Protein backbone atom coordinates (compact mmCIF):
# COMPACT_ATOMS: atom_id res chain seq x y z
CA UNK A 1 0.03 0.32 0.03
CA UNK A 2 1.21 3.40 -1.03
CA UNK A 3 0.05 6.12 1.13
CA UNK A 4 0.66 9.91 0.08
CA UNK A 5 1.20 12.20 2.85
CA UNK A 6 -0.42 15.55 1.98
CA UNK A 7 -0.60 18.51 4.72
CA UNK A 8 -0.23 22.01 5.46
CA UNK A 9 3.60 22.93 4.86
CA UNK A 10 3.54 26.80 4.19
CA UNK A 11 -0.31 27.42 4.25
CA UNK A 12 -1.38 31.01 4.15
CA UNK A 13 2.38 32.25 5.22
CA UNK A 14 3.88 35.01 3.02
CA UNK A 15 7.48 34.14 4.25
CA UNK A 16 9.80 31.28 3.59
CA UNK A 17 8.94 29.70 6.84
CA UNK A 18 6.95 26.26 7.39
CA UNK A 19 4.15 25.05 9.83
CA UNK A 20 5.45 22.52 12.24
CA UNK A 21 5.48 19.01 10.70
CA UNK A 22 5.45 16.69 13.48
CA UNK A 23 1.95 15.53 12.39
CA UNK A 24 3.77 13.53 9.36
CA UNK A 25 5.35 11.06 11.75
CA UNK A 26 2.20 10.66 13.61
CA UNK A 27 0.27 9.80 10.80
CA UNK A 28 3.00 7.16 9.43
CA UNK A 29 3.13 5.77 12.81
CA UNK A 30 -0.67 5.16 12.88
CA UNK A 31 -0.69 3.77 9.40
CA UNK A 32 2.65 1.64 10.08
CA UNK A 33 1.37 0.15 13.27
CA UNK A 34 -1.82 -1.45 11.39
CA UNK A 35 -0.07 -1.86 8.05
CA UNK A 36 3.81 -2.51 8.64
CA UNK A 37 4.29 -3.00 4.87
CA UNK A 38 2.84 0.41 3.99
CA UNK A 39 5.14 2.83 1.99
CA UNK A 40 4.97 6.66 2.00
CA UNK A 41 5.21 9.21 -0.43
CA UNK A 42 5.99 12.39 1.41
CA UNK A 43 6.85 15.60 -0.34
CA UNK A 44 8.00 17.45 2.64
CA UNK A 45 10.49 14.63 3.66
CA UNK A 46 11.66 13.92 0.28
CA UNK A 47 12.49 17.46 -0.46
CA UNK A 48 13.96 19.22 2.56
CA UNK A 49 15.94 21.89 0.69
CA UNK A 50 13.23 22.87 -1.56
CA UNK A 51 12.75 26.54 -0.09
CA UNK A 52 16.07 27.30 -1.55
CA UNK A 53 15.64 25.92 -5.15
CA UNK A 54 14.87 28.05 -8.15
CA UNK A 55 11.05 28.85 -8.98
CA UNK A 56 11.38 26.36 -12.03
CA UNK A 57 12.55 23.50 -9.66
CA UNK A 58 9.94 24.25 -7.16
CA UNK A 59 7.09 24.27 -9.82
CA UNK A 60 8.43 20.90 -11.34
CA UNK A 61 8.28 19.50 -7.69
CA UNK A 62 4.94 20.61 -6.87
CA UNK A 63 3.45 19.36 -10.19
CA UNK A 64 5.13 16.15 -9.93
CA UNK A 65 3.66 15.30 -6.40
CA UNK A 66 0.42 16.48 -7.42
CA UNK A 67 0.61 13.70 -10.03
CA UNK A 68 1.84 11.27 -7.64
CA UNK A 69 -1.13 11.89 -5.14
CA UNK A 70 -3.31 10.31 -8.07
CA UNK A 71 -1.18 7.18 -8.25
CA UNK A 72 -1.10 6.01 -4.55
CA UNK A 73 -3.55 3.78 -2.95
CA UNK A 74 -4.92 6.32 -0.44
CA UNK A 75 -4.12 9.94 0.29
CA UNK A 76 -4.35 11.16 4.14
CA UNK A 77 -4.48 15.02 3.99
CA UNK A 78 -3.62 17.18 7.40
CA UNK A 79 -5.63 20.34 7.40
CA UNK A 80 -5.69 22.32 10.64
CA UNK A 81 -6.35 25.21 8.31
CA UNK A 82 -6.36 26.01 4.51
CA UNK A 83 -3.60 24.66 2.35
CA UNK A 84 -3.96 25.58 -1.34
CA UNK A 85 -1.22 22.90 -2.30
CA UNK A 86 -3.08 19.85 -0.12
CA UNK A 87 -6.29 21.04 -1.61
CA UNK A 88 -4.84 20.57 -5.14
CA UNK A 89 -3.31 17.07 -4.14
CA UNK A 90 -6.53 16.20 -2.69
CA UNK A 91 -8.54 17.11 -5.89
CA UNK A 92 -5.81 14.97 -8.03
CA UNK A 93 -6.56 11.91 -5.81
CA UNK A 94 -10.26 12.30 -5.97
CA UNK A 95 -10.26 12.73 -9.96
CA UNK A 96 -8.05 9.40 -10.12
CA UNK A 97 -10.33 7.48 -7.81
CA UNK A 98 -8.00 7.61 -4.76
CA UNK A 99 -9.38 7.29 -1.22
CA UNK A 100 -8.73 10.83 0.42
CA UNK A 101 -8.90 10.75 4.20
CA UNK A 102 -8.83 14.06 5.70
CA UNK A 103 -7.89 14.92 9.42
CA UNK A 104 -9.47 18.43 9.98
CA UNK A 105 -11.88 20.65 11.94
CA UNK A 106 -13.13 22.03 8.54
CA UNK A 107 -15.43 19.31 7.49
CA UNK A 108 -18.04 21.57 6.47
CA UNK A 109 -16.01 23.70 4.10
CA UNK A 110 -16.57 22.80 0.34
CA UNK A 111 -13.16 21.58 -0.71
CA UNK A 112 -13.20 19.26 2.35
CA UNK A 113 -16.66 17.62 2.01
CA UNK A 114 -16.57 17.56 -1.69
CA UNK A 115 -13.11 15.58 -1.86
CA UNK A 116 -12.81 13.60 1.17
CA UNK A 117 -13.85 10.12 1.43
CA UNK A 118 -13.67 10.35 5.08
CA UNK A 119 -13.08 13.43 7.40
CA UNK A 120 -11.80 12.66 10.95
CA UNK A 121 -11.51 15.57 13.84
CA UNK A 122 -8.01 14.74 14.91
CA UNK A 123 -5.00 12.35 14.96
CA UNK A 124 -6.53 10.29 17.61
CA UNK A 125 -9.56 9.52 15.64
CA UNK A 126 -7.49 8.76 12.53
CA UNK A 127 -5.29 6.25 14.31
CA UNK A 128 -8.54 4.52 15.51
CA UNK A 129 -10.02 4.69 11.72
CA UNK A 130 -6.92 3.04 10.35
CA UNK A 131 -7.37 0.13 12.31
CA UNK A 132 -11.04 -0.30 11.18
CA UNK A 133 -12.40 -2.58 8.75
CA UNK A 134 -13.75 0.60 6.82
CA UNK A 135 -10.43 1.73 6.01
CA UNK A 136 -9.44 -1.71 5.09
CA UNK A 137 -12.36 -1.63 2.78
CA UNK A 138 -11.22 1.50 1.25
CA UNK A 139 -7.65 0.49 0.44
CA UNK A 140 -7.65 -3.36 0.14
CA UNK A 141 -9.25 -5.76 -2.42
CA UNK A 142 -11.90 -8.23 -0.84
CA UNK A 143 -9.59 -10.86 -0.94
CA UNK A 144 -6.88 -9.10 1.14
CA UNK A 145 -9.70 -8.05 3.61
CA UNK A 146 -10.64 -11.69 4.21
CA UNK A 147 -7.17 -12.69 4.45
CA UNK A 148 -6.49 -9.80 7.03
CA UNK A 149 -9.39 -10.72 9.05
CA UNK A 150 -8.06 -14.11 9.47
CA UNK A 151 -5.34 -12.74 11.28
CA UNK A 152 -3.79 -9.98 9.25
CA UNK A 153 -1.63 -7.14 10.32
CA UNK A 154 -4.30 -4.43 10.63
CA UNK A 155 -6.09 -6.16 13.51
């Protein structure tokens, strides 16, 4: 299973600073606990020096990860506040039929309720959801669900 980790990086900031990225480890840990074989696509972790890159390289990276969002098995989006980049990644995943799990207090905003397969209020609820049969049903084939219910990794 390939998991795209989407979430606020710069958000509405107008400087070169970024928001705290600790949520990425918490999401990764929650998924890995239920699905040890999970692989992660993390635009933040994979491109730590991106703020010093030229605009052309930044644009190329952004568009590459937008495409990648539509190629994963599930996209998990951390949205404590609006994020234009995350919204674009969510849209691409939605457009390509990839389940979009959003962790956000903004369940009532149009972009979130229109694109999210499921919206959870916080990381604790997400951690519980990842261990559920509902999550398994979103990302696994029926055969894999039967196998995992017989003693698989996500229990």
